[in-house]
Amino acid sequence: MPENTPKSHEENRHDQLTSAPESTEADAAPRIDVSEGENGATRIDIRDDAEVRPSDPTTD
């Protein structure tokens, strides 16, 4: 990639998430899906295939 060409958001995200010494490609895998509803509201869903998922805050 030429120096003058800016990186895309996805390229920057990938570079940031894989720059740690022991990181892997799995660290840069998508974890959420973002969509827009009919009324214009933004919906954010945790992907079923995400390796890192939030825990249920109602359990210990």
PDB file of N, CA and C in Angstrom:
ATOM      1  N   MET A   1       0.853  -1.175   0.000  1.00  0.00           N
ATOM      2  CA  MET A   1       0.000   0.000   0.000  1.00  0.00           C
ATOM      3  C   MET A   1       0.900   1.240   0.000  1.00  0.00           C
ATOM      4  N   PRO A   2       0.664   2.164  -0.908  1.00  0.00           N
ATOM      5  CA  PRO A   2       1.477   3.381  -0.933  1.00  0.00           C
ATOM      6  C   PRO A   2       1.321   4.182   0.350  1.00  0.00           C
ATOM      7  N   GLU A   3       2.372   4.913   0.689  1.00  0.00           N
ATOM      8  CA  GLU A   3       2.365   5.682   1.944  1.00  0.00           C
ATOM      9  C   GLU A   3       1.260   6.724   2.001  1.00  0.00           C
ATOM     10  N   ASN A   4       0.900   7.300   0.878  1.00  0.00           N
ATOM     11  CA  ASN A   4      -0.079   8.391   0.859  1.00  0.00           C
ATOM     12  C   ASN A   4      -1.521   7.897   0.934  1.00  0.00           C
ATOM     13  N   THR A   5      -1.762   6.613   0.801  1.00  0.00           N
ATOM     14  CA  THR A   5      -3.114   6.081   0.843  1.00  0.00           C
ATOM     15  C   THR A   5      -3.513   5.819   2.292  1.00  0.00           C
ATOM     16  N   PRO A   6      -4.551   6.515   2.776  1.00  0.00           N
ATOM     17  CA  PRO A   6      -4.966   6.278   4.171  1.00  0.00           C
ATOM     18  C   PRO A   6      -5.568   4.888   4.331  1.00  0.00           C
ATOM     19  N   LYS A   7      -5.355   4.307   5.498  1.00  0.00           N
ATOM     20  CA  LYS A   7      -5.908   2.990   5.801  1.00  0.00           C
ATOM     21  C   LYS A   7      -7.393   3.115   6.128  1.00  0.00           C
ATOM     22  N   SER A   8      -8.119   2.067   5.816  1.00  0.00           N
ATOM     23  CA  SER A   8      -9.542   2.047   6.133  1.00  0.00           C
ATOM     24  C   SER A   8      -9.718   1.789   7.629  1.00  0.00           C
ATOM     25  N   HIS A   9     -10.932   1.984   8.092  1.00  0.00           N
ATOM     26  CA  HIS A   9     -11.248   1.712   9.497  1.00  0.00           C
ATOM     27  C   HIS A   9     -10.927   0.262   9.841  1.00  0.00           C
ATOM     28  N   GLU A  10     -11.322  -0.662   8.955  1.00  0.00           N
ATOM     29  CA  GLU A  10     -11.082  -2.092   9.197  1.00  0.00           C
ATOM     30  C   GLU A  10      -9.586  -2.405   9.239  1.00  0.00           C
ATOM     31  N   GLU A  11      -8.797  -1.784   8.379  1.00  0.00           N
ATOM     32  CA  GLU A  11      -7.345  -2.005   8.390  1.00  0.00           C
ATOM     33  C   GLU A  11      -6.721  -1.478   9.683  1.00  0.00           C
ATOM     34  N   ASN A  12      -7.145  -0.299  10.107  1.00  0.00           N
ATOM     35  CA  ASN A  12      -6.637   0.263  11.371  1.00  0.00           C
ATOM     36  C   ASN A  12      -7.042  -0.604  12.557  1.00  0.00           C
ATOM     37  N   ARG A  13      -8.282  -1.076  12.559  1.00  0.00           N
ATOM     38  CA  ARG A  13      -8.776  -1.948  13.640  1.00  0.00           C
ATOM     39  C   ARG A  13      -7.956  -3.221  13.698  1.00  0.00           C
ATOM     40  N   HIS A  14      -7.742  -3.850  12.548  1.00  0.00           N
ATOM     41  CA  HIS A  14      -6.966  -5.086  12.482  1.00  0.00           C
ATOM     42  C   HIS A  14      -5.547  -4.848  12.997  1.00  0.00           C
ATOM     43  N   ASP A  15      -4.898  -3.788  12.528  1.00  0.00           N
ATOM     44  CA  ASP A  15      -3.529  -3.477  12.968  1.00  0.00           C
ATOM     45  C   ASP A  15      -3.457  -3.280  14.478  1.00  0.00           C
ATOM     46  N   GLN A  16      -4.428  -2.561  15.033  1.00  0.00           N
ATOM     47  CA  GLN A  16      -4.423  -2.295  16.466  1.00  0.00           C
ATOM     48  C   GLN A  16      -4.630  -3.573  17.270  1.00  0.00           C
ATOM     49  N   LEU A  17      -5.553  -4.432  16.829  1.00  0.00           N
ATOM     50  CA  LEU A  17      -5.877  -5.635  17.596  1.00  0.00           C
ATOM     51  C   LEU A  17      -4.871  -6.767  17.418  1.00  0.00           C
ATOM     52  N   THR A  18      -4.015  -6.681  16.431  1.00  0.00           N
ATOM     53  CA  THR A  18      -3.008  -7.731  16.223  1.00  0.00           C
ATOM     54  C   THR A  18      -1.587  -7.245  16.481  1.00  0.00           C
ATOM     55  N   SER A  19      -1.425  -6.074  17.065  1.00  0.00           N
ATOM     56  CA  SER A  19      -0.078  -5.530  17.268  1.00  0.00           C
ATOM     57  C   SER A  19       0.598  -6.022  18.548  1.00  0.00           C
ATOM     58  N   ALA A  20      -0.136  -6.580  19.484  1.00  0.00           N
ATOM     59  CA  ALA A  20       0.470  -7.097  20.717  1.00  0.00           C
ATOM     60  C   ALA A  20       1.335  -8.315  20.394  1.00  0.00           C
ATOM     61  N   PRO A  21       2.403  -8.538  21.146  1.00  0.00           N
ATOM     62  CA  PRO A  21       3.334  -9.634  20.836  1.00  0.00           C
ATOM     63  C   PRO A  21       2.692 -11.018  20.722  1.00  0.00           C
ATOM     64  N   GLU A  22       1.704 -11.345  21.528  1.00  0.00           N
ATOM     65  CA  GLU A  22       1.114 -12.685  21.493  1.00  0.00           C
ATOM     66  C   GLU A  22      -0.281 -12.701  20.869  1.00  0.00           C
ATOM     67  N   SER A  23      -0.627 -11.669  20.118  1.00  0.00           N
ATOM     68  CA  SER A  23      -1.948 -11.610  19.496  1.00  0.00           C
ATOM     69  C   SER A  23      -2.022 -12.541  18.299  1.00  0.00           C
ATOM     70  N   THR A  24      -3.255 -12.899  17.929  1.00  0.00           N
ATOM     71  CA  THR A  24      -3.498 -13.757  16.771  1.00  0.00           C
ATOM     72  C   THR A  24      -4.551 -13.105  15.883  1.00  0.00           C
ATOM     73  N   GLU A  25      -4.774 -13.691  14.730  1.00  0.00           N
ATOM     74  CA  GLU A  25      -5.808 -13.183  13.829  1.00  0.00           C
ATOM     75  C   GLU A  25      -7.194 -13.243  14.490  1.00  0.00           C
ATOM     76  N   ALA A  26      -7.389 -14.215  15.365  1.00  0.00           N
ATOM     77  CA  ALA A  26      -8.686 -14.338  16.048  1.00  0.00           C
ATOM     78  C   ALA A  26      -8.985 -13.106  16.900  1.00  0.00           C
ATOM     79  N   ASP A  27      -7.958 -12.420  17.376  1.00  0.00           N
ATOM     80  CA  ASP A  27      -8.163 -11.217  18.180  1.00  0.00           C
ATOM     81  C   ASP A  27      -8.848 -10.107  17.371  1.00  0.00           C
ATOM     82  N   ALA A  28      -8.679 -10.125  16.061  1.00  0.00           N
ATOM     83  CA  ALA A  28      -9.265  -9.090  15.208  1.00  0.00           C
ATOM     84  C   ALA A  28     -10.598  -9.514  14.608  1.00  0.00           C
ATOM     85  N   ALA A  29     -11.088 -10.686  14.969  1.00  0.00           N
ATOM     86  CA  ALA A  29     -12.363 -11.172  14.429  1.00  0.00           C
ATOM     87  C   ALA A  29     -13.507 -10.277  14.897  1.00  0.00           C
ATOM     88  N   PRO A  30     -14.502 -10.049  14.045  1.00  0.00           N
ATOM     89  CA  PRO A  30     -15.646  -9.233  14.444  1.00  0.00           C
ATOM     90  C   PRO A  30     -16.374  -9.839  15.644  1.00  0.00           C
ATOM     91  N   ARG A  31     -16.842  -8.996  16.547  1.00  0.00           N
ATOM     92  CA  ARG A  31     -17.561  -9.455  17.742  1.00  0.00           C
ATOM     93  C   ARG A  31     -18.991  -8.955  17.789  1.00  0.00           C
ATOM     94  N   ILE A  32     -19.302  -7.943  16.976  1.00  0.00           N
ATOM     95  CA  ILE A  32     -20.648  -7.380  16.982  1.00  0.00           C
ATOM     96  C   ILE A  32     -21.149  -7.184  15.549  1.00  0.00           C
ATOM     97  N   ASP A  33     -22.458  -7.112  15.412  1.00  0.00           N
ATOM     98  CA  ASP A  33     -23.110  -6.725  14.161  1.00  0.00           C
ATOM     99  C   ASP A  33     -23.895  -5.465  14.450  1.00  0.00           C
ATOM    100  N   VAL A  34     -23.743  -4.457  13.609  1.00  0.00           N
ATOM    101  CA  VAL A  34     -24.459  -3.190  13.771  1.00  0.00           C
ATOM    102  C   VAL A  34     -25.406  -3.046  12.592  1.00  0.00           C
ATOM    103  N   SER A  35     -26.653  -2.736  12.896  1.00  0.00           N
ATOM    104  CA  SER A  35     -27.641  -2.527  11.839  1.00  0.00           C
ATOM    105  C   SER A  35     -28.533  -1.352  12.219  1.00  0.00           C
ATOM    106  N   GLU A  36     -29.283  -0.875  11.229  1.00  0.00           N
ATOM    107  CA  GLU A  36     -30.202   0.227  11.482  1.00  0.00           C
ATOM    108  C   GLU A  36     -31.624  -0.269  11.275  1.00  0.00           C
ATOM    109  N   GLY A  37     -32.475   0.002  12.246  1.00  0.00           N
ATOM    110  CA  GLY A  37     -33.868  -0.412  12.167  1.00  0.00           C
ATOM    111  C   GLY A  37     -34.686   0.504  11.280  1.00  0.00           C
ATOM    112  N   GLU A  38     -35.939   0.135  11.088  1.00  0.00           N
ATOM    113  CA  GLU A  38     -36.835   0.920  10.244  1.00  0.00           C
ATOM    114  C   GLU A  38     -37.039   2.339  10.764  1.00  0.00           C
ATOM    115  N   ASN A  39     -37.002   2.500  12.074  1.00  0.00           N
ATOM    116  CA  ASN A  39     -37.213   3.823  12.666  1.00  0.00           C
ATOM    117  C   ASN A  39     -35.924   4.626  12.800  1.00  0.00           C
ATOM    118  N   GLY A  40     -34.812   4.102  12.265  1.00  0.00           N
ATOM    119  CA  GLY A  40     -33.538   4.815  12.299  1.00  0.00           C
ATOM    120  C   GLY A  40     -32.694   4.522  13.521  1.00  0.00           C
ATOM    121  N   ALA A  41     -33.208   3.712  14.432  1.00  0.00           N
ATOM    122  CA  ALA A  41     -32.447   3.361  15.631  1.00  0.00           C
ATOM    123  C   ALA A  41     -31.317   2.404  15.261  1.00  0.00           C
ATOM    124  N   THR A  42     -30.189   2.549  15.934  1.00  0.00           N
ATOM    125  CA  THR A  42     -29.058   1.657  15.715  1.00  0.00           C
ATOM    126  C   THR A  42     -29.184   0.452  16.622  1.00  0.00           C
ATOM    127  N   ARG A  43     -29.026  -0.736  16.039  1.00  0.00           N
ATOM    128  CA  ARG A  43     -29.102  -1.986  16.802  1.00  0.00           C
ATOM    129  C   ARG A  43     -27.714  -2.613  16.797  1.00  0.00           C
ATOM    130  N   ILE A  44     -27.247  -3.017  17.988  1.00  0.00           N
ATOM    131  CA  ILE A  44     -25.950  -3.660  18.142  1.00  0.00           C
ATOM    132  C   ILE A  44     -26.173  -5.035  18.743  1.00  0.00           C
ATOM    133  N   ASP A  45     -25.767  -6.074  18.017  1.00  0.00           N
ATOM    134  CA  ASP A  45     -25.931  -7.451  18.475  1.00  0.00           C
ATOM    135  C   ASP A  45     -24.569  -8.111  18.631  1.00  0.00           C
ATOM    136  N   ILE A  46     -24.398  -8.862  19.710  1.00  0.00           N
ATOM    137  CA  ILE A  46     -23.197  -9.671  19.901  1.00  0.00           C
ATOM    138  C   ILE A  46     -23.301 -10.855  18.953  1.00  0.00           C
ATOM    139  N   ARG A  47     -22.263 -11.084  18.168  1.00  0.00           N
ATOM    140  CA  ARG A  47     -22.275 -12.184  17.202  1.00  0.00           C
ATOM    141  C   ARG A  47     -22.253 -13.531  17.924  1.00  0.00           C
ATOM    142  N   ASP A  48     -22.978 -14.501  17.389  1.00  0.00           N
ATOM    143  CA  ASP A  48     -23.004 -15.848  17.967  1.00  0.00           C
ATOM    144  C   ASP A  48     -21.640 -16.519  17.901  1.00  0.00           C
ATOM    145  N   ASP A  49     -20.835 -16.162  16.892  1.00  0.00           N
ATOM    146  CA  ASP A  49     -19.528 -16.797  16.726  1.00  0.00           C
ATOM    147  C   ASP A  49     -18.381 -16.016  17.378  1.00  0.00           C
ATOM    148  N   ALA A  50     -18.696 -14.983  18.145  1.00  0.00           N
ATOM    149  CA  ALA A  50     -17.656 -14.203  18.818  1.00  0.00           C
ATOM    150  C   ALA A  50     -17.024 -15.027  19.934  1.00  0.00           C
ATOM    151  N   GLU A  51     -15.686 -15.105  19.921  1.00  0.00           N
ATOM    152  CA  GLU A  51     -14.990 -15.876  20.956  1.00  0.00           C
ATOM    153  C   GLU A  51     -15.095 -15.198  22.316  1.00  0.00           C
ATOM    154  N   VAL A  52     -15.093 -13.890  22.332  1.00  0.00           N
ATOM    155  CA  VAL A  52     -15.189 -13.148  23.586  1.00  0.00           C
ATOM    156  C   VAL A  52     -16.587 -12.565  23.645  1.00  0.00           C
ATOM    157  N   ARG A  53     -17.338 -12.969  24.656  1.00  0.00           N
ATOM    158  CA  ARG A  53     -18.719 -12.518  24.789  1.00  0.00           C
ATOM    159  C   ARG A  53     -18.910 -11.965  26.197  1.00  0.00           C
ATOM    160  N   PRO A  54     -19.774 -10.960  26.337  1.00  0.00           N
ATOM    161  CA  PRO A  54     -20.038 -10.445  27.675  1.00  0.00           C
ATOM    162  C   PRO A  54     -20.753 -11.497  28.528  1.00  0.00           C
ATOM    163  N   SER A  55     -20.482 -11.470  29.814  1.00  0.00           N
ATOM    164  CA  SER A  55     -21.142 -12.415  30.712  1.00  0.00           C
ATOM    165  C   SER A  55     -22.506 -11.875  31.125  1.00  0.00           C
ATOM    166  N   ASP A  56     -23.308 -12.734  31.687  1.00  0.00           N
ATOM    167  CA  ASP A  56     -24.621 -12.350  32.191  1.00  0.00           C
ATOM    168  C   ASP A  56     -24.409 -11.646  33.540  1.00  0.00           C
ATOM    169  N   PRO A  57     -24.725 -10.356  33.645  1.00  0.00           N
ATOM    170  CA  PRO A  57     -24.468  -9.625  34.891  1.00  0.00           C
ATOM    171  C   PRO A  57     -25.353 -10.064  36.052  1.00  0.00           C
ATOM    172  N   THR A  58     -26.371 -10.866  35.777  1.00  0.00           N
ATOM    173  CA  THR A  58     -27.263 -11.297  36.860  1.00  0.00           C
ATOM    174  C   THR A  58     -26.783 -12.583  37.529  1.00  0.00           C
ATOM    175  N   THR A  59     -25.707 -13.187  37.023  1.00  0.00           N
ATOM    176  CA  THR A  59     -25.162 -14.400  37.628  1.00  0.00           C
ATOM    177  C   THR A  59     -23.778 -14.130  38.191  1.00  0.00           C
ATOM    178  N   ASP A  60     -23.348 -14.966  39.111  1.00  0.00           N
ATOM    179  CA  ASP A  60     -22.009 -14.807  39.698  1.00  0.00           C
ATOM    180  C   ASP A  60     -21.048 -15.812  39.155  1.00  0.00           C
TER     181      ASP A  60
END
